[in-house]
N, C-alpha and C. Protein backbone atom coordinates (compact mmCIF):
# COMPACT_ATOMS: atom_id res chain seq x y z
N UNK A 1 114.43 117.27 84.68
CA UNK A 1 114.43 116.64 85.99
C UNK A 1 115.35 115.42 85.95
N UNK A 2 116.21 115.33 86.93
CA UNK A 2 117.13 114.21 87.05
C UNK A 2 116.55 113.19 88.03
N UNK A 3 116.58 111.93 87.67
CA UNK A 3 116.09 110.89 88.55
C UNK A 3 117.27 110.10 89.09
N UNK A 4 117.51 110.24 90.38
CA UNK A 4 118.55 109.46 91.04
C UNK A 4 117.88 108.35 91.83
N UNK A 5 118.69 107.42 92.26
CA UNK A 5 118.17 106.33 93.09
C UNK A 5 117.78 106.87 94.46
N UNK A 6 116.71 106.35 95.00
CA UNK A 6 116.31 106.71 96.36
C UNK A 6 117.38 106.24 97.33
N UNK A 7 117.58 106.99 98.39
CA UNK A 7 118.50 106.54 99.44
C UNK A 7 117.79 106.65 100.78
N UNK A 8 118.34 106.01 101.76
CA UNK A 8 117.74 105.92 103.08
C UNK A 8 118.72 106.45 104.11
N UNK A 9 118.20 107.12 105.14
CA UNK A 9 119.04 107.59 106.24
C UNK A 9 118.42 107.19 107.56
N UNK A 10 119.26 107.12 108.58
CA UNK A 10 118.78 106.81 109.93
C UNK A 10 118.92 108.09 110.74
N UNK A 11 117.83 108.48 111.39
CA UNK A 11 117.76 109.75 112.10
C UNK A 11 117.25 109.56 113.52
N UNK A 12 117.86 110.27 114.46
CA UNK A 12 117.39 110.28 115.85
C UNK A 12 117.11 111.72 116.23
N UNK A 13 115.90 111.99 116.69
CA UNK A 13 115.55 113.35 117.10
C UNK A 13 116.50 113.82 118.20
N UNK A 14 117.05 115.00 118.03
CA UNK A 14 117.98 115.53 119.01
C UNK A 14 119.40 115.03 118.84
N UNK A 15 119.59 114.14 117.88
CA UNK A 15 120.93 113.60 117.63
C UNK A 15 121.67 114.40 116.57
N UNK A 16 122.79 113.90 116.18
CA UNK A 16 123.56 114.55 115.12
C UNK A 16 122.88 114.34 113.78
N UNK A 17 123.29 115.11 112.81
CA UNK A 17 122.75 114.96 111.45
C UNK A 17 123.21 113.62 110.88
N UNK A 18 122.36 112.96 110.11
CA UNK A 18 122.78 111.72 109.46
C UNK A 18 123.96 111.99 108.52
N UNK A 19 124.88 111.06 108.45
CA UNK A 19 126.04 111.21 107.57
C UNK A 19 126.17 110.06 106.58
N UNK A 20 125.35 109.02 106.73
CA UNK A 20 125.46 107.85 105.87
C UNK A 20 124.21 107.73 105.01
N UNK A 21 124.42 107.59 103.70
CA UNK A 21 123.32 107.30 102.78
C UNK A 21 123.32 105.80 102.55
N UNK A 22 122.25 105.15 102.94
CA UNK A 22 122.11 103.71 102.72
C UNK A 22 121.46 103.50 101.35
N UNK A 23 121.97 102.56 100.59
CA UNK A 23 121.46 102.33 99.23
C UNK A 23 120.19 101.49 99.21
N UNK A 24 119.86 100.88 100.35
CA UNK A 24 118.61 100.11 100.40
C UNK A 24 118.01 100.16 101.80
N UNK A 25 116.75 99.85 101.87
CA UNK A 25 116.01 99.90 103.13
C UNK A 25 116.57 98.91 104.15
N UNK A 26 116.93 97.72 103.70
CA UNK A 26 117.42 96.69 104.62
C UNK A 26 118.66 97.16 105.38
N UNK A 27 119.56 97.83 104.70
CA UNK A 27 120.78 98.33 105.33
C UNK A 27 120.45 99.40 106.37
N UNK A 28 119.57 100.33 106.02
CA UNK A 28 119.18 101.39 106.96
C UNK A 28 118.44 100.81 108.15
N UNK A 29 117.57 99.86 107.90
CA UNK A 29 116.81 99.23 108.99
C UNK A 29 117.75 98.52 109.97
N UNK A 30 118.72 97.78 109.44
CA UNK A 30 119.68 97.08 110.30
C UNK A 30 120.48 98.08 111.14
N UNK A 31 120.86 99.21 110.55
CA UNK A 31 121.61 100.23 111.29
C UNK A 31 120.75 100.87 112.37
N UNK A 32 119.49 101.14 112.07
CA UNK A 32 118.58 101.71 113.06
C UNK A 32 118.40 100.75 114.24
N UNK A 33 118.28 99.48 113.95
CA UNK A 33 118.14 98.48 115.01
C UNK A 33 119.41 98.39 115.85
N UNK A 34 120.55 98.43 115.20
CA UNK A 34 121.84 98.38 115.92
C UNK A 34 121.98 99.58 116.85
N UNK A 35 121.67 100.75 116.33
CA UNK A 35 121.78 101.97 117.14
C UNK A 35 120.80 101.95 118.31
N UNK A 36 119.59 101.47 118.08
CA UNK A 36 118.59 101.40 119.14
C UNK A 36 119.02 100.45 120.25
N UNK A 37 119.64 99.34 119.89
CA UNK A 37 120.12 98.39 120.90
C UNK A 37 121.20 99.02 121.79
N UNK A 38 122.04 99.87 121.20
CA UNK A 38 123.15 100.48 121.94
C UNK A 38 122.79 101.81 122.60
N UNK A 39 121.58 102.31 122.35
CA UNK A 39 121.14 103.59 122.91
C UNK A 39 119.72 103.48 123.42
N UNK A 40 119.52 102.78 124.57
CA UNK A 40 118.17 102.58 125.10
C UNK A 40 117.44 103.92 125.31
N UNK A 41 116.17 103.92 124.97
CA UNK A 41 115.33 105.10 125.17
C UNK A 41 115.35 106.09 124.02
N UNK A 42 116.23 105.92 123.06
CA UNK A 42 116.28 106.81 121.91
C UNK A 42 115.66 106.10 120.71
N UNK A 43 114.80 106.82 120.02
CA UNK A 43 114.13 106.27 118.84
C UNK A 43 114.92 106.63 117.60
N UNK A 44 115.20 105.64 116.77
CA UNK A 44 115.90 105.83 115.50
C UNK A 44 114.93 105.55 114.37
N UNK A 45 114.73 106.53 113.52
CA UNK A 45 113.79 106.41 112.40
C UNK A 45 114.55 106.19 111.10
N UNK A 46 113.96 105.41 110.22
CA UNK A 46 114.50 105.20 108.88
C UNK A 46 113.70 106.09 107.94
N UNK A 47 114.41 106.98 107.25
CA UNK A 47 113.76 107.95 106.35
C UNK A 47 114.24 107.73 104.92
N UNK A 48 113.33 107.91 103.97
CA UNK A 48 113.66 107.76 102.55
C UNK A 48 113.73 109.13 101.90
N UNK A 49 114.63 109.26 100.94
CA UNK A 49 114.70 110.51 100.17
C UNK A 49 113.50 110.57 99.23
N UNK A 50 112.94 111.74 99.10
CA UNK A 50 111.79 111.92 98.21
C UNK A 50 112.15 112.88 97.08
N UNK A 51 112.69 114.02 97.46
CA UNK A 51 113.08 115.03 96.48
C UNK A 51 114.21 115.85 97.08
N UNK A 52 115.08 116.39 96.25
CA UNK A 52 116.15 117.26 96.75
C UNK A 52 116.34 118.41 95.77
N UNK A 53 116.92 119.48 96.27
CA UNK A 53 117.16 120.67 95.46
C UNK A 53 118.58 121.13 95.64
N UNK A 54 119.14 121.69 94.60
CA UNK A 54 120.49 122.21 94.66
C UNK A 54 120.55 123.47 93.79
N UNK A 55 121.08 124.53 94.37
CA UNK A 55 121.27 125.77 93.61
C UNK A 55 122.67 125.76 93.00
N UNK A 56 122.74 126.03 91.74
CA UNK A 56 124.02 126.07 91.04
C UNK A 56 124.25 127.49 90.52
N UNK A 57 125.25 128.17 91.08
CA UNK A 57 125.54 129.53 90.67
C UNK A 57 126.58 129.60 89.56
N UNK A 58 127.33 128.56 89.36
CA UNK A 58 128.35 128.54 88.33
C UNK A 58 127.99 127.51 87.27
N UNK A 59 128.10 127.93 86.03
CA UNK A 59 127.87 126.99 84.93
C UNK A 59 129.10 127.03 84.05
N UNK A 60 129.68 125.90 83.79
CA UNK A 60 130.87 125.82 82.94
C UNK A 60 130.45 125.53 81.52
N UNK A 61 131.02 126.30 80.60
CA UNK A 61 130.77 126.09 79.18
C UNK A 61 132.09 125.81 78.50
N UNK A 62 132.15 124.76 77.73
CA UNK A 62 133.36 124.42 76.97
C UNK A 62 133.21 124.97 75.56
N UNK A 63 134.30 125.45 75.02
CA UNK A 63 134.28 126.03 73.69
C UNK A 63 135.18 125.23 72.75
N UNK A 64 134.88 125.31 71.48
CA UNK A 64 135.63 124.59 70.46
C UNK A 64 136.94 125.31 70.20
N UNK A 65 138.03 124.80 70.75
CA UNK A 65 139.33 125.44 70.60
C UNK A 65 139.87 125.35 69.19
N UNK A 66 139.46 124.37 68.44
CA UNK A 66 139.92 124.24 67.06
C UNK A 66 139.45 125.44 66.25
N UNK A 67 138.23 125.87 66.44
CA UNK A 67 137.70 127.03 65.73
C UNK A 67 138.48 128.29 66.09
N UNK A 68 138.80 128.48 67.37
CA UNK A 68 139.57 129.63 67.80
C UNK A 68 140.97 129.59 67.21
N UNK A 69 141.57 128.42 67.17
CA UNK A 69 142.91 128.26 66.61
C UNK A 69 142.93 128.65 65.14
N UNK A 70 141.92 128.20 64.38
CA UNK A 70 141.83 128.54 62.96
C UNK A 70 141.69 130.04 62.75
N UNK A 71 140.88 130.71 63.56
CA UNK A 71 140.69 132.15 63.43
C UNK A 71 141.98 132.90 63.73
N UNK A 72 142.70 132.47 64.74
CA UNK A 72 143.95 133.14 65.08
C UNK A 72 144.99 132.97 63.98
N UNK A 73 145.04 131.79 63.37
CA UNK A 73 145.98 131.56 62.27
C UNK A 73 145.66 132.41 61.05
N UNK A 74 144.38 132.71 60.84
CA UNK A 74 143.96 133.52 59.71
C UNK A 74 144.06 135.02 60.00
N UNK A 75 144.53 135.37 61.20
CA UNK A 75 144.66 136.77 61.56
C UNK A 75 143.37 137.44 61.97
N UNK A 76 142.34 136.66 62.16
CA UNK A 76 141.05 137.22 62.56
C UNK A 76 140.92 137.17 64.07
N UNK A 77 141.17 138.27 64.71
CA UNK A 77 141.04 138.35 66.16
C UNK A 77 139.65 138.92 66.45
N UNK A 78 138.84 138.20 67.20
CA UNK A 78 137.43 138.57 67.36
C UNK A 78 137.16 139.71 68.33
N UNK A 79 138.17 140.53 68.66
CA UNK A 79 137.92 141.68 69.53
C UNK A 79 138.72 142.86 69.10
């Protein structure tokens, strides 16, 4: 399990998807207040990240090229 820092987003129901990750609550709160002042009647919520998931279909593996180089020099081709 990887532990990343929590981040905060500002969300308005029916609005666009959040695009800014705030690194602290104070920043997100200030942005929610700013947006609310400029958009009367719309509620802006400050949400915290709790957990996230990511599917990874590709895994990169690095190989020791020195070992392959030595085998090729010795005439040992592994196929």
